[in-house]
Amino acid sequence: MTTPLQINKVWIDDNFIYAQAVTGETASYCFNDWQSLRDATLEQRADYVLSYGGIHWPALDEDLSFEGMFEAAGVCPRGEKECNVVYLK
């Protein structure tokens, strides 16, 4: 089993949500890529909950995974091995 990439910091700005691993790798998602997040207010975007595997916006009923975020950034490319990315509480 591969050691998971561990997320220890998550933040947003006007256009993106970012996650940073304890090893320094950073990845992001653009809010414009998801209709509910694109159309949300800044306050709604800021109202998220972190879980072991991703980010959830309760008021928007939207979920995004850390694994997908880091795969899209090329940090953890898709392949034969699973990309395991987790949030440390």
C-alpha atoms as a PDB file:
ATOM      1  CA  MET A   1       0.000   0.000   0.000  1.00  0.00           C
ATOM      2  CA  THR A   2       1.262   3.471  -0.891  1.00  0.00           C
ATOM      3  CA  THR A   3       1.621   6.163   1.756  1.00  0.00           C
ATOM      4  CA  PRO A   4      -1.109   8.747   1.173  1.00  0.00           C
ATOM      5  CA  LEU A   5      -0.351  12.300   0.161  1.00  0.00           C
ATOM      6  CA  GLN A   6      -1.494  14.199   3.254  1.00  0.00           C
ATOM      7  CA  ILE A   7      -3.306  17.529   2.947  1.00  0.00           C
ATOM      8  CA  ASN A   8      -2.774  19.961   5.808  1.00  0.00           C
ATOM      9  CA  LYS A   9      -3.959  23.298   4.368  1.00  0.00           C
ATOM     10  CA  VAL A  10      -7.002  24.334   2.313  1.00  0.00           C
ATOM     11  CA  TRP A  11      -7.952  27.889   1.312  1.00  0.00           C
ATOM     12  CA  ILE A  12      -9.938  29.825  -1.268  1.00  0.00           C
ATOM     13  CA  ASP A  13      -9.715  33.057  -3.211  1.00  0.00           C
ATOM     14  CA  ASP A  14     -12.230  34.640  -5.587  1.00  0.00           C
ATOM     15  CA  ASN A  15     -11.685  32.033  -8.314  1.00  0.00           C
ATOM     16  CA  PHE A  16     -10.102  28.887  -6.862  1.00  0.00           C
ATOM     17  CA  ILE A  17      -9.951  26.466  -3.971  1.00  0.00           C
ATOM     18  CA  TYR A  18      -6.460  25.264  -3.104  1.00  0.00           C
ATOM     19  CA  ALA A  19      -5.056  22.355  -1.143  1.00  0.00           C
ATOM     20  CA  GLN A  20      -1.487  21.926   0.038  1.00  0.00           C
ATOM     21  CA  ALA A  21       0.188  18.707   1.125  1.00  0.00           C
ATOM     22  CA  VAL A  22       2.574  18.487   4.056  1.00  0.00           C
ATOM     23  CA  THR A  23       5.311  17.866   1.474  1.00  0.00           C
ATOM     24  CA  GLY A  24       4.569  21.242  -0.192  1.00  0.00           C
ATOM     25  CA  GLU A  25       2.727  20.139  -3.330  1.00  0.00           C
ATOM     26  CA  THR A  26      -0.215  22.408  -4.087  1.00  0.00           C
ATOM     27  CA  ALA A  27      -3.211  21.825  -6.345  1.00  0.00           C
ATOM     28  CA  SER A  28      -6.369  23.783  -7.089  1.00  0.00           C
ATOM     29  CA  TYR A  29      -9.800  23.653  -8.673  1.00  0.00           C
ATOM     30  CA  CYS A  30     -11.285  26.606 -10.514  1.00  0.00           C
ATOM     31  CA  PHE A  31     -14.793  27.446  -9.299  1.00  0.00           C
ATOM     32  CA  ASN A  32     -15.861  28.091 -12.913  1.00  0.00           C
ATOM     33  CA  ASP A  33     -15.502  24.360 -13.663  1.00  0.00           C
ATOM     34  CA  TRP A  34     -18.591  23.576 -11.551  1.00  0.00           C
ATOM     35  CA  GLN A  35     -21.866  25.394 -12.163  1.00  0.00           C
ATOM     36  CA  SER A  36     -22.970  25.435  -8.533  1.00  0.00           C
ATOM     37  CA  LEU A  37     -19.621  26.878  -7.403  1.00  0.00           C
ATOM     38  CA  ARG A  38     -19.408  29.296 -10.331  1.00  0.00           C
ATOM     39  CA  ASP A  39     -22.857  30.702  -9.507  1.00  0.00           C
ATOM     40  CA  ALA A  40     -22.287  30.778  -5.726  1.00  0.00           C
ATOM     41  CA  THR A  41     -21.525  33.877  -3.695  1.00  0.00           C
ATOM     42  CA  LEU A  42     -18.139  34.251  -2.009  1.00  0.00           C
ATOM     43  CA  GLU A  43     -19.834  33.539   1.313  1.00  0.00           C
ATOM     44  CA  GLN A  44     -21.325  30.289  -0.026  1.00  0.00           C
ATOM     45  CA  ARG A  45     -17.964  29.221  -1.445  1.00  0.00           C
ATOM     46  CA  ALA A  46     -16.306  29.923   1.903  1.00  0.00           C
ATOM     47  CA  ASP A  47     -18.813  27.702   3.716  1.00  0.00           C
ATOM     48  CA  TYR A  48     -17.153  24.328   3.099  1.00  0.00           C
ATOM     49  CA  VAL A  49     -16.404  21.291   5.222  1.00  0.00           C
ATOM     50  CA  LEU A  50     -13.270  19.180   4.895  1.00  0.00           C
ATOM     51  CA  SER A  51     -13.383  15.414   5.131  1.00  0.00           C
ATOM     52  CA  TYR A  52     -10.775  12.695   4.875  1.00  0.00           C
ATOM     53  CA  GLY A  53     -11.145  12.538   1.074  1.00  0.00           C
ATOM     54  CA  GLY A  54     -12.408  15.905  -0.064  1.00  0.00           C
ATOM     55  CA  ILE A  55     -14.345  19.131   0.238  1.00  0.00           C
ATOM     56  CA  HIS A  56     -18.097  19.495   0.729  1.00  0.00           C
ATOM     57  CA  TRP A  57     -20.301  22.579   0.377  1.00  0.00           C
ATOM     58  CA  PRO A  58     -23.469  21.706   2.354  1.00  0.00           C
ATOM     59  CA  ALA A  59     -25.567  24.647   1.124  1.00  0.00           C
ATOM     60  CA  LEU A  60     -24.619  23.941  -2.494  1.00  0.00           C
ATOM     61  CA  ASP A  61     -24.719  20.132  -2.306  1.00  0.00           C
ATOM     62  CA  GLU A  62     -21.328  19.983  -4.049  1.00  0.00           C
ATOM     63  CA  ASP A  63     -18.430  17.637  -3.345  1.00  0.00           C
ATOM     64  CA  LEU A  64     -14.911  17.648  -4.792  1.00  0.00           C
ATOM     65  CA  SER A  65     -12.181  15.125  -4.080  1.00  0.00           C
ATOM     66  CA  PHE A  66      -8.593  15.825  -3.143  1.00  0.00           C
ATOM     67  CA  GLU A  67      -7.535  12.888  -5.298  1.00  0.00           C
ATOM     68  CA  GLY A  68      -9.092  14.447  -8.410  1.00  0.00           C
ATOM     69  CA  MET A  69      -7.580  17.824  -7.580  1.00  0.00           C
ATOM     70  CA  PHE A  70      -4.050  16.444  -7.350  1.00  0.00           C
ATOM     71  CA  GLU A  71      -4.529  14.212 -10.391  1.00  0.00           C
ATOM     72  CA  ALA A  72      -5.665  17.236 -12.446  1.00  0.00           C
ATOM     73  CA  ALA A  73      -2.580  19.142 -11.273  1.00  0.00           C
ATOM     74  CA  GLY A  74      -0.311  16.305 -12.425  1.00  0.00           C
ATOM     75  CA  VAL A  75       1.018  15.754  -8.913  1.00  0.00           C
ATOM     76  CA  CYS A  76      -0.586  12.359  -8.623  1.00  0.00           C
ATOM     77  CA  PRO A  77      -1.150  11.118 -12.194  1.00  0.00           C
ATOM     78  CA  ARG A  78      -3.713   8.474 -13.024  1.00  0.00           C
ATOM     79  CA  GLY A  79      -2.252   5.098 -13.760  1.00  0.00           C
ATOM     80  CA  GLU A  80      -2.039   1.582 -12.474  1.00  0.00           C
ATOM     81  CA  LYS A  81      -1.440   2.719  -8.903  1.00  0.00           C
ATOM     82  CA  GLU A  82      -4.167   4.435  -6.917  1.00  0.00           C
ATOM     83  CA  CYS A  83      -3.606   8.069  -6.048  1.00  0.00           C
ATOM     84  CA  ASN A  84      -4.314   8.282  -2.350  1.00  0.00           C
ATOM     85  CA  VAL A  85      -4.772  11.852  -1.069  1.00  0.00           C
ATOM     86  CA  VAL A  86      -6.188  12.490   2.396  1.00  0.00           C
ATOM     87  CA  TYR A  87      -6.862  15.441   4.723  1.00  0.00           C
ATOM     88  CA  LEU A  88      -5.217  15.505   8.140  1.00  0.00           C
ATOM     89  CA  LYS A  89      -7.470  16.861  10.857  1.00  0.00           C
END
